[in-house]
Amino acid sequence: AMQAVQEAVRNRPTTCALYALFTVGCVYVHRGLRQPGANAEWDWALTLSAGLQCLALAMLVLDTQSQVAEGLSEITLWAFFIAHVTRVSTTFWGEGYVPEDSTADVYLYQMLEVCSACLLACKLLGMTSVRTMHDVGQGLERWSALIAMVVVAIGLGWLCKSTGHNDAMADFSWMFSVWLDSLALGPQVQLLMKAMQVDESAVHFASFTLASNLVFAAFWARHTQDNYEALSENGYHTFLYGIVCATGIRVFLCLAYFYLFAKTSQVFRSVKRHNYELCALDEEL
């Protein structure tokens, strides 16, 4: 086991460093900072979800082998970027959408969201430049898909927003970001349905994005279960239905993305192995 760890550190030092940093951070937060508020027993899950998404994006930016990022949707990354920037903006002028545990005292949630937005901006800048330079991936996606997702998210965000924080703009912005986040992987799934090649090193991004979405869904499932009667009595039916539907779509698309990524990666490996065997046979002949 120790030999396997040493080999992993030698072959993938960036991956191991990110894993170690995340693990140390989780242990420190759990022991020193995570003190739930009176009505926030499970708010740590929101911070964990944000941390897992930040780790996924860090893996995507720092540890993928291909600068072209085969099989990665630029539209999806733009949707994620808009959603992250919008969501973190709601935390700057109020406390309604910040986890109510003691991590709020050190602005941990906001820092994770800002870090995720910066990582997305970095990836978009580098990927767009390389793809334009090498004329790769042009015409595979339509920007109308991003416009459509934003329009749908605006409509659903306004329809399903909460009214419990006395801040209509923050309530709308947060729900808009949730819906856009939920729809963001749609273009990625569509791209992988017809893609023949993916960057296999992006498996960490796929895995931790799935983990982040599952934690987010688990939080809202528990929150809805514990507070359904109180929220229903206060007229938050639309908000409850909206957050449940958005979370369900988010998890479904993420599962589809992970499945298609694994399937495409396996097919790509098989093709590479087959081509290698053919080349070896030709050399022998």
C-alpha atoms as a PDB file:
ATOM      1  CA  ALA A   1       0.000   0.000   0.000  1.00  0.00           C
ATOM      2  CA  MET A   2       2.794   2.394   0.882  1.00  0.00           C
ATOM      3  CA  GLN A   3       4.496   1.655  -2.419  1.00  0.00           C
ATOM      4  CA  ALA A   4       1.268   2.441  -4.284  1.00  0.00           C
ATOM      5  CA  VAL A   5       0.974   5.758  -2.443  1.00  0.00           C
ATOM      6  CA  GLN A   6       4.571   6.655  -3.255  1.00  0.00           C
ATOM      7  CA  GLU A   7       4.021   5.804  -6.906  1.00  0.00           C
ATOM      8  CA  ALA A   8       0.868   7.938  -7.007  1.00  0.00           C
ATOM      9  CA  VAL A   9       2.703  10.888  -5.455  1.00  0.00           C
ATOM     10  CA  ARG A  10       5.517  10.498  -7.973  1.00  0.00           C
ATOM     11  CA  ASN A  11       3.212  10.200 -10.997  1.00  0.00           C
ATOM     12  CA  ARG A  12       0.475  12.676 -10.020  1.00  0.00           C
ATOM     13  CA  PRO A  13       1.953  15.134  -7.480  1.00  0.00           C
ATOM     14  CA  THR A  14      -0.658  17.837  -8.172  1.00  0.00           C
ATOM     15  CA  THR A  15      -3.547  15.439  -7.630  1.00  0.00           C
ATOM     16  CA  CYS A  16      -2.097  14.147  -4.368  1.00  0.00           C
ATOM     17  CA  ALA A  17      -1.354  17.672  -3.143  1.00  0.00           C
ATOM     18  CA  LEU A  18      -4.946  18.780  -3.801  1.00  0.00           C
ATOM     19  CA  TYR A  19      -6.321  15.692  -2.061  1.00  0.00           C
ATOM     20  CA  ALA A  20      -4.072  16.290   0.943  1.00  0.00           C
ATOM     21  CA  LEU A  21      -4.963  19.993   1.148  1.00  0.00           C
ATOM     22  CA  PHE A  22      -8.681  19.236   0.974  1.00  0.00           C
ATOM     23  CA  THR A  23      -8.444  16.509   3.620  1.00  0.00           C
ATOM     24  CA  VAL A  24      -6.481  18.711   6.016  1.00  0.00           C
ATOM     25  CA  GLY A  25      -8.967  21.533   5.456  1.00  0.00           C
ATOM     26  CA  CYS A  26     -11.949  19.274   6.180  1.00  0.00           C
ATOM     27  CA  VAL A  27     -10.359  17.983   9.400  1.00  0.00           C
ATOM     28  CA  TYR A  28      -9.519  21.524  10.562  1.00  0.00           C
ATOM     29  CA  VAL A  29     -13.009  22.844   9.809  1.00  0.00           C
ATOM     30  CA  HIS A  30     -14.679  19.863  11.475  1.00  0.00           C
ATOM     31  CA  ARG A  31     -12.633  20.139  14.661  1.00  0.00           C
ATOM     32  CA  GLY A  32     -12.102  23.864  14.984  1.00  0.00           C
ATOM     33  CA  LEU A  33     -14.783  25.759  13.094  1.00  0.00           C
ATOM     34  CA  ARG A  34     -17.898  23.653  12.550  1.00  0.00           C
ATOM     35  CA  GLN A  35     -20.219  24.730  15.363  1.00  0.00           C
ATOM     36  CA  PRO A  36     -23.838  24.623  14.138  1.00  0.00           C
ATOM     37  CA  GLY A  37     -26.135  27.527  14.869  1.00  0.00           C
ATOM     38  CA  ALA A  38     -29.437  27.163  16.645  1.00  0.00           C
ATOM     39  CA  ASN A  39     -31.347  26.437  13.423  1.00  0.00           C
ATOM     40  CA  ALA A  40     -28.461  25.283  11.257  1.00  0.00           C
ATOM     41  CA  GLU A  41     -27.598  21.738  12.282  1.00  0.00           C
ATOM     42  CA  TRP A  42     -26.979  20.650   8.688  1.00  0.00           C
ATOM     43  CA  ASP A  43     -25.634  23.876   7.169  1.00  0.00           C
ATOM     44  CA  TRP A  44     -22.147  22.375   7.140  1.00  0.00           C
ATOM     45  CA  ALA A  45     -23.327  20.322   4.157  1.00  0.00           C
ATOM     46  CA  LEU A  46     -23.622  23.488   2.041  1.00  0.00           C
ATOM     47  CA  THR A  47     -20.037  24.420   2.863  1.00  0.00           C
ATOM     48  CA  LEU A  48     -18.905  20.858   2.100  1.00  0.00           C
ATOM     49  CA  SER A  49     -20.761  20.940  -1.225  1.00  0.00           C
ATOM     50  CA  ALA A  50     -19.056  24.227  -2.134  1.00  0.00           C
ATOM     51  CA  GLY A  51     -15.697  22.762  -1.088  1.00  0.00           C
ATOM     52  CA  LEU A  52     -16.152  19.647  -3.219  1.00  0.00           C
ATOM     53  CA  GLN A  53     -17.103  21.767  -6.236  1.00  0.00           C
ATOM     54  CA  CYS A  54     -14.053  23.972  -5.672  1.00  0.00           C
ATOM     55  CA  LEU A  55     -11.865  20.850  -5.478  1.00  0.00           C
ATOM     56  CA  ALA A  56     -13.423  19.532  -8.702  1.00  0.00           C
ATOM     57  CA  LEU A  57     -12.630  22.779 -10.508  1.00  0.00           C
ATOM     58  CA  ALA A  58      -9.100  22.880  -9.074  1.00  0.00           C
ATOM     59  CA  MET A  59      -8.550  19.380 -10.458  1.00  0.00           C
ATOM     60  CA  LEU A  60      -9.917  20.515 -13.816  1.00  0.00           C
ATOM     61  CA  VAL A  61      -7.631  23.542 -14.018  1.00  0.00           C
ATOM     62  CA  LEU A  62      -4.441  22.213 -12.441  1.00  0.00           C
ATOM     63  CA  ASP A  63      -4.423  18.499 -13.168  1.00  0.00           C
ATOM     64  CA  THR A  64      -5.902  17.844 -16.611  1.00  0.00           C
ATOM     65  CA  GLN A  65      -3.408  16.727 -19.234  1.00  0.00           C
ATOM     66  CA  SER A  66      -4.951  18.284 -22.342  1.00  0.00           C
ATOM     67  CA  GLN A  67      -5.154  22.049 -22.775  1.00  0.00           C
ATOM     68  CA  VAL A  68      -7.792  21.578 -25.478  1.00  0.00           C
ATOM     69  CA  ALA A  69      -9.988  19.730 -22.931  1.00  0.00           C
ATOM     70  CA  GLU A  70     -11.583  17.232 -25.284  1.00  0.00           C
ATOM     71  CA  GLY A  71     -15.162  16.360 -24.391  1.00  0.00           C
ATOM     72  CA  LEU A  72     -15.596  19.390 -22.134  1.00  0.00           C
ATOM     73  CA  SER A  73     -18.438  21.804 -22.882  1.00  0.00           C
ATOM     74  CA  GLU A  74     -17.529  25.471 -22.979  1.00  0.00           C
ATOM     75  CA  ILE A  75     -21.233  26.365 -22.624  1.00  0.00           C
ATOM     76  CA  THR A  76     -21.434  24.369 -19.401  1.00  0.00           C
ATOM     77  CA  LEU A  77     -18.430  26.155 -17.939  1.00  0.00           C
ATOM     78  CA  TRP A  78     -19.932  29.539 -18.813  1.00  0.00           C
ATOM     79  CA  ALA A  79     -23.212  28.567 -17.161  1.00  0.00           C
ATOM     80  CA  PHE A  80     -21.329  27.454 -14.046  1.00  0.00           C
ATOM     81  CA  PHE A  81     -19.375  30.717 -14.025  1.00  0.00           C
ATOM     82  CA  ILE A  82     -22.500  32.882 -14.249  1.00  0.00           C
ATOM     83  CA  ALA A  83     -24.213  30.815 -11.529  1.00  0.00           C
ATOM     84  CA  HIS A  84     -21.232  31.035  -9.149  1.00  0.00           C
ATOM     85  CA  VAL A  85     -20.780  34.781  -9.601  1.00  0.00           C
ATOM     86  CA  THR A  86     -24.498  35.399  -9.114  1.00  0.00           C
ATOM     87  CA  ARG A  87     -24.719  33.174  -6.040  1.00  0.00           C
ATOM     88  CA  VAL A  88     -21.684  34.614  -4.280  1.00  0.00           C
ATOM     89  CA  SER A  89     -22.958  38.139  -4.972  1.00  0.00           C
ATOM     90  CA  THR A  90     -26.019  37.418  -2.794  1.00  0.00           C
ATOM     91  CA  THR A  91     -23.744  36.884   0.210  1.00  0.00           C
ATOM     92  CA  PHE A  92     -22.140  40.331   0.036  1.00  0.00           C
ATOM     93  CA  TRP A  93     -25.170  42.446   0.918  1.00  0.00           C
ATOM     94  CA  GLY A  94     -26.926  40.085   3.329  1.00  0.00           C
ATOM     95  CA  GLU A  95     -26.628  36.916   5.394  1.00  0.00           C
ATOM     96  CA  GLY A  96     -29.710  35.128   4.071  1.00  0.00           C
ATOM     97  CA  TYR A  97     -27.818  32.671   1.885  1.00  0.00           C
ATOM     98  CA  VAL A  98     -24.725  32.038   3.985  1.00  0.00           C
ATOM     99  CA  PRO A  99     -24.467  28.810   6.040  1.00  0.00           C
ATOM    100  CA  GLU A 100     -25.415  29.689   9.613  1.00  0.00           C
ATOM    101  CA  ASP A 101     -22.653  27.791  11.374  1.00  0.00           C
ATOM    102  CA  SER A 102     -19.433  29.223  12.764  1.00  0.00           C
ATOM    103  CA  THR A 103     -17.648  29.023   9.397  1.00  0.00           C
ATOM    104  CA  ALA A 104     -19.570  32.179   8.497  1.00  0.00           C
ATOM    105  CA  ASP A 105     -17.306  34.079  10.923  1.00  0.00           C
ATOM    106  CA  VAL A 106     -14.309  33.446   8.649  1.00  0.00           C
ATOM    107  CA  TYR A 107     -16.272  33.809   5.364  1.00  0.00           C
ATOM    108  CA  LEU A 108     -15.354  30.254   4.363  1.00  0.00           C
ATOM    109  CA  TYR A 109     -18.371  29.710   2.114  1.00  0.00           C
ATOM    110  CA  GLN A 110     -17.814  32.978   0.255  1.00  0.00           C
ATOM    111  CA  MET A 111     -14.108  32.230  -0.215  1.00  0.00           C
ATOM    112  CA  LEU A 112     -14.912  28.816  -1.700  1.00  0.00           C
ATOM    113  CA  GLU A 113     -17.440  30.336  -4.113  1.00  0.00           C
ATOM    114  CA  VAL A 114     -15.047  33.121  -5.147  1.00  0.00           C
ATOM    115  CA  CYS A 115     -12.258  30.569  -5.637  1.00  0.00           C
ATOM    116  CA  SER A 116     -14.558  28.444  -7.809  1.00  0.00           C
ATOM    117  CA  ALA A 117     -15.473  31.464  -9.936  1.00  0.00           C
ATOM    118  CA  CYS A 118     -11.788  32.351 -10.394  1.00  0.00           C
ATOM    119  CA  LEU A 119     -10.912  28.774 -11.371  1.00  0.00           C
ATOM    120  CA  LEU A 120     -13.742  28.743 -13.916  1.00  0.00           C
ATOM    121  CA  ALA A 121     -12.559  32.052 -15.372  1.00  0.00           C
ATOM    122  CA  CYS A 122      -9.003  30.689 -15.633  1.00  0.00           C
ATOM    123  CA  LYS A 123     -10.156  27.492 -17.346  1.00  0.00           C
ATOM    124  CA  LEU A 124     -12.415  29.342 -19.768  1.00  0.00           C
ATOM    125  CA  LEU A 125      -9.671  31.785 -20.713  1.00  0.00           C
ATOM    126  CA  GLY A 126      -7.082  29.085 -21.345  1.00  0.00           C
ATOM    127  CA  MET A 127      -9.411  26.621 -23.060  1.00  0.00           C
ATOM    128  CA  THR A 128     -10.968  29.224 -25.358  1.00  0.00           C
ATOM    129  CA  SER A 129      -7.558  30.552 -26.393  1.00  0.00           C
ATOM    130  CA  VAL A 130      -6.149  27.102 -27.198  1.00  0.00           C
ATOM    131  CA  ARG A 131      -9.254  25.935 -29.051  1.00  0.00           C
ATOM    132  CA  THR A 132      -9.326  29.109 -31.145  1.00  0.00           C
ATOM    133  CA  MET A 133      -5.621  28.861 -31.906  1.00  0.00           C
ATOM    134  CA  HIS A 134      -5.850  25.234 -33.053  1.00  0.00           C
ATOM    135  CA  ASP A 135      -9.351  25.524 -34.523  1.00  0.00           C
ATOM    136  CA  VAL A 136     -10.626  22.712 -32.288  1.00  0.00           C
ATOM    137  CA  GLY A 137     -14.206  22.312 -31.108  1.00  0.00           C
ATOM    138  CA  GLN A 138     -15.510  25.182 -33.204  1.00  0.00           C
ATOM    139  CA  GLY A 139     -19.141  24.773 -34.225  1.00  0.00           C
ATOM    140  CA  LEU A 140     -19.820  21.809 -31.930  1.00  0.00           C
ATOM    141  CA  GLU A 141     -21.891  23.916 -29.538  1.00  0.00           C
ATOM    142  CA  ARG A 142     -24.407  26.686 -30.001  1.00  0.00           C
ATOM    143  CA  TRP A 143     -24.358  29.776 -27.838  1.00  0.00           C
ATOM    144  CA  SER A 144     -28.129  29.905 -28.149  1.00  0.00           C
ATOM    145  CA  ALA A 145     -28.170  27.016 -25.640  1.00  0.00           C
ATOM    146  CA  LEU A 146     -26.556  29.251 -23.001  1.00  0.00           C
ATOM    147  CA  ILE A 147     -29.009  32.076 -23.731  1.00  0.00           C
ATOM    148  CA  ALA A 148     -31.918  29.642 -23.474  1.00  0.00           C
ATOM    149  CA  MET A 149     -30.677  28.287 -20.128  1.00  0.00           C
ATOM    150  CA  VAL A 150     -30.261  31.794 -18.723  1.00  0.00           C
ATOM    151  CA  VAL A 151     -33.752  32.811 -19.857  1.00  0.00           C
ATOM    152  CA  VAL A 152     -35.317  29.656 -18.375  1.00  0.00           C
ATOM    153  CA  ALA A 153     -33.364  30.120 -15.130  1.00  0.00           C
ATOM    154  CA  ILE A 154     -34.540  33.745 -14.904  1.00  0.00           C
ATOM    155  CA  GLY A 155     -38.168  32.682 -15.309  1.00  0.00           C
ATOM    156  CA  LEU A 156     -37.990  29.792 -12.868  1.00  0.00           C
ATOM    157  CA  GLY A 157     -35.883  31.799 -10.449  1.00  0.00           C
ATOM    158  CA  TRP A 158     -38.521  34.534 -10.289  1.00  0.00           C
ATOM    159  CA  LEU A 159     -41.363  32.027 -10.018  1.00  0.00           C
ATOM    160  CA  CYS A 160     -39.775  29.882  -7.278  1.00  0.00           C
ATOM    161  CA  LYS A 161     -37.877  32.483  -5.237  1.00  0.00           C
ATOM    162  CA  SER A 162     -38.279  32.650  -1.497  1.00  0.00           C
ATOM    163  CA  THR A 163     -39.666  35.735   0.234  1.00  0.00           C
ATOM    164  CA  GLY A 164     -38.266  35.060   3.680  1.00  0.00           C
ATOM    165  CA  HIS A 165     -35.286  37.423   3.725  1.00  0.00           C
ATOM    166  CA  ASN A 166     -36.958  40.757   2.928  1.00  0.00           C
ATOM    167  CA  ASP A 167     -34.617  41.149  -0.037  1.00  0.00           C
ATOM    168  CA  ALA A 168     -36.333  40.399  -3.340  1.00  0.00           C
ATOM    169  CA  MET A 169     -33.162  40.858  -5.407  1.00  0.00           C
ATOM    170  CA  ALA A 170     -31.099  38.462  -3.274  1.00  0.00           C
ATOM    171  CA  ASP A 171     -33.925  35.910  -3.198  1.00  0.00           C
ATOM    172  CA  PHE A 172     -34.306  36.033  -6.973  1.00  0.00           C
ATOM    173  CA  SER A 173     -30.556  35.988  -7.647  1.00  0.00           C
ATOM    174  CA  TRP A 174     -29.999  32.967  -5.440  1.00  0.00           C
ATOM    175  CA  MET A 175     -32.827  30.935  -6.956  1.00  0.00           C
ATOM    176  CA  PHE A 176     -31.691  31.958 -10.450  1.00  0.00           C
ATOM    177  CA  SER A 177     -28.201  30.627  -9.654  1.00  0.00           C
ATOM    178  CA  VAL A 178     -29.658  27.350  -8.358  1.00  0.00           C
ATOM    179  CA  TRP A 179     -31.672  26.787 -11.536  1.00  0.00           C
ATOM    180  CA  LEU A 180     -28.794  27.753 -13.825  1.00  0.00           C
ATOM    181  CA  ASP A 181     -26.494  25.423 -11.892  1.00  0.00           C
ATOM    182  CA  SER A 182     -29.056  22.657 -12.314  1.00  0.00           C
ATOM    183  CA  LEU A 183     -29.338  23.161 -16.082  1.00  0.00           C
ATOM    184  CA  ALA A 184     -25.627  23.808 -16.689  1.00  0.00           C
ATOM    185  CA  LEU A 185     -24.657  20.190 -17.320  1.00  0.00           C
ATOM    186  CA  GLY A 186     -27.280  19.815 -20.067  1.00  0.00           C
ATOM    187  CA  PRO A 187     -24.904  20.912 -22.888  1.00  0.00           C
ATOM    188  CA  GLN A 188     -22.155  18.749 -21.362  1.00  0.00           C
ATOM    189  CA  VAL A 189     -24.372  15.667 -21.481  1.00  0.00           C
ATOM    190  CA  GLN A 190     -25.434  16.496 -25.037  1.00  0.00           C
ATOM    191  CA  LEU A 191     -21.807  16.918 -26.112  1.00  0.00           C
ATOM    192  CA  LEU A 192     -20.727  13.601 -24.605  1.00  0.00           C
ATOM    193  CA  MET A 193     -23.562  11.780 -26.356  1.00  0.00           C
ATOM    194  CA  LYS A 194     -21.775  12.439 -29.642  1.00  0.00           C
ATOM    195  CA  ALA A 195     -18.165  12.818 -28.481  1.00  0.00           C
ATOM    196  CA  MET A 196     -15.567  10.234 -29.475  1.00  0.00           C
ATOM    197  CA  GLN A 197     -12.760  11.499 -27.251  1.00  0.00           C
ATOM    198  CA  VAL A 198     -12.402  12.864 -23.723  1.00  0.00           C
ATOM    199  CA  ASP A 199      -9.524  13.959 -21.547  1.00  0.00           C
ATOM    200  CA  GLU A 200      -9.373  10.979 -19.160  1.00  0.00           C
ATOM    201  CA  SER A 201      -7.602  13.014 -16.478  1.00  0.00           C
ATOM    202  CA  ALA A 202     -10.843  15.005 -16.047  1.00  0.00           C
ATOM    203  CA  VAL A 203     -12.305  12.020 -14.169  1.00  0.00           C
ATOM    204  CA  HIS A 204     -11.570  13.841 -10.910  1.00  0.00           C
ATOM    205  CA  PHE A 205     -13.689  16.785 -12.049  1.00  0.00           C
ATOM    206  CA  ALA A 206     -16.556  14.457 -12.972  1.00  0.00           C
ATOM    207  CA  SER A 207     -16.306  12.548  -9.681  1.00  0.00           C
ATOM    208  CA  PHE A 208     -16.195  15.525  -7.346  1.00  0.00           C
ATOM    209  CA  THR A 209     -18.877  17.409  -9.267  1.00  0.00           C
ATOM    210  CA  LEU A 210     -21.124  14.405  -8.697  1.00  0.00           C
ATOM    211  CA  ALA A 211     -20.164  14.279  -5.011  1.00  0.00           C
ATOM    212  CA  SER A 212     -20.867  18.003  -4.599  1.00  0.00           C
ATOM    213  CA  ASN A 213     -24.307  17.668  -6.163  1.00  0.00           C
ATOM    214  CA  LEU A 214     -25.195  14.643  -4.038  1.00  0.00           C
ATOM    215  CA  VAL A 215     -24.264  16.517  -0.842  1.00  0.00           C
ATOM    216  CA  PHE A 216     -26.295  19.553  -1.984  1.00  0.00           C
ATOM    217  CA  ALA A 217     -29.281  17.302  -2.711  1.00  0.00           C
ATOM    218  CA  ALA A 218     -28.938  15.517   0.648  1.00  0.00           C
ATOM    219  CA  PHE A 219     -28.981  18.870   2.480  1.00  0.00           C
ATOM    220  CA  TRP A 220     -32.156  20.060   0.801  1.00  0.00           C
ATOM    221  CA  ALA A 221     -33.830  16.679   1.220  1.00  0.00           C
ATOM    222  CA  ARG A 222     -33.135  16.801   4.958  1.00  0.00           C
ATOM    223  CA  HIS A 223     -34.061  20.479   5.232  1.00  0.00           C
ATOM    224  CA  THR A 224     -37.355  19.906   3.417  1.00  0.00           C
ATOM    225  CA  GLN A 225     -38.153  16.894   5.581  1.00  0.00           C
ATOM    226  CA  ASP A 226     -37.448  18.746   8.834  1.00  0.00           C
ATOM    227  CA  ASN A 227     -39.194  22.021   7.939  1.00  0.00           C
ATOM    228  CA  TYR A 228     -41.922  21.036   5.487  1.00  0.00           C
ATOM    229  CA  GLU A 229     -44.869  21.860   7.759  1.00  0.00           C
ATOM    230  CA  ALA A 230     -43.465  25.204   8.914  1.00  0.00           C
ATOM    231  CA  LEU A 231     -42.546  26.265   5.378  1.00  0.00           C
ATOM    232  CA  SER A 232     -45.925  25.153   4.023  1.00  0.00           C
ATOM    233  CA  GLU A 233     -47.794  27.124   6.680  1.00  0.00           C
ATOM    234  CA  ASN A 234     -45.854  30.248   5.686  1.00  0.00           C
ATOM    235  CA  GLY A 235     -46.761  29.830   2.014  1.00  0.00           C
ATOM    236  CA  TYR A 236     -43.436  28.575   0.684  1.00  0.00           C
ATOM    237  CA  HIS A 237     -44.942  25.770  -1.414  1.00  0.00           C
ATOM    238  CA  THR A 238     -43.554  27.148  -4.675  1.00  0.00           C
ATOM    239  CA  PHE A 239     -40.081  27.541  -3.188  1.00  0.00           C
ATOM    240  CA  LEU A 240     -40.126  23.970  -1.860  1.00  0.00           C
ATOM    241  CA  TYR A 241     -41.295  22.485  -5.133  1.00  0.00           C
ATOM    242  CA  GLY A 242     -38.781  24.616  -7.028  1.00  0.00           C
ATOM    243  CA  ILE A 243     -35.767  23.630  -4.940  1.00  0.00           C
ATOM    244  CA  VAL A 244     -36.742  19.942  -5.017  1.00  0.00           C
ATOM    245  CA  CYS A 245     -37.190  19.976  -8.806  1.00  0.00           C
ATOM    246  CA  ALA A 246     -33.967  21.934  -9.391  1.00  0.00           C
ATOM    247  CA  THR A 247     -32.024  19.579  -7.139  1.00  0.00           C
ATOM    248  CA  GLY A 248     -33.502  16.525  -8.869  1.00  0.00           C
ATOM    249  CA  ILE A 249     -32.561  17.835 -12.324  1.00  0.00           C
ATOM    250  CA  ARG A 250     -29.097  18.711 -11.055  1.00  0.00           C
ATOM    251  CA  VAL A 251     -28.429  15.203  -9.721  1.00  0.00           C
ATOM    252  CA  PHE A 252     -29.931  13.510 -12.787  1.00  0.00           C
ATOM    253  CA  LEU A 253     -27.780  15.482 -15.245  1.00  0.00           C
ATOM    254  CA  CYS A 254     -24.695  14.955 -13.101  1.00  0.00           C
ATOM    255  CA  LEU A 255     -25.275  11.198 -12.995  1.00  0.00           C
ATOM    256  CA  ALA A 256     -25.791  11.201 -16.764  1.00  0.00           C
ATOM    257  CA  TYR A 257     -22.566  13.201 -17.224  1.00  0.00           C
ATOM    258  CA  PHE A 258     -20.569  10.830 -15.039  1.00  0.00           C
ATOM    259  CA  TYR A 259     -21.976   7.761 -16.820  1.00  0.00           C
ATOM    260  CA  LEU A 260     -21.330   9.164 -20.314  1.00  0.00           C
ATOM    261  CA  PHE A 261     -17.850  10.329 -19.314  1.00  0.00           C
ATOM    262  CA  ALA A 262     -16.956   6.868 -18.049  1.00  0.00           C
ATOM    263  CA  LYS A 263     -18.479   5.219 -21.118  1.00  0.00           C
ATOM    264  CA  THR A 264     -16.748   7.536 -23.609  1.00  0.00           C
ATOM    265  CA  SER A 265     -13.454   7.198 -21.749  1.00  0.00           C
ATOM    266  CA  GLN A 266     -13.688   3.404 -21.882  1.00  0.00           C
ATOM    267  CA  VAL A 267     -14.470   3.419 -25.616  1.00  0.00           C
ATOM    268  CA  PHE A 268     -11.612   5.870 -26.253  1.00  0.00           C
ATOM    269  CA  ARG A 269      -9.179   3.599 -24.380  1.00  0.00           C
ATOM    270  CA  SER A 270     -10.364   0.607 -26.416  1.00  0.00           C
ATOM    271  CA  VAL A 271      -9.826   2.480 -29.697  1.00  0.00           C
ATOM    272  CA  LYS A 272      -6.351   3.591 -28.625  1.00  0.00           C
ATOM    273  CA  ARG A 273      -5.441   0.037 -27.596  1.00  0.00           C
ATOM    274  CA  HIS A 274      -6.770  -1.326 -30.901  1.00  0.00           C
ATOM    275  CA  ASN A 275      -4.797   1.233 -32.928  1.00  0.00           C
ATOM    276  CA  TYR A 276      -1.661   0.441 -30.940  1.00  0.00           C
ATOM    277  CA  GLU A 277      -2.052  -3.278 -31.635  1.00  0.00           C
ATOM    278  CA  LEU A 278      -2.555  -2.598 -35.351  1.00  0.00           C
ATOM    279  CA  CYS A 279       0.587  -0.444 -35.460  1.00  0.00           C
ATOM    280  CA  ALA A 280       2.571  -3.165 -33.688  1.00  0.00           C
ATOM    281  CA  LEU A 281       1.269  -5.750 -36.162  1.00  0.00           C
ATOM    282  CA  ASP A 282       2.202  -3.568 -39.141  1.00  0.00           C
ATOM    283  CA  GLU A 283       5.717  -3.160 -37.795  1.00  0.00           C
ATOM    284  CA  GLU A 284       6.068  -6.921 -37.437  1.00  0.00           C
ATOM    285  CA  LEU A 285       4.916  -7.439 -41.037  1.00  0.00           C
END
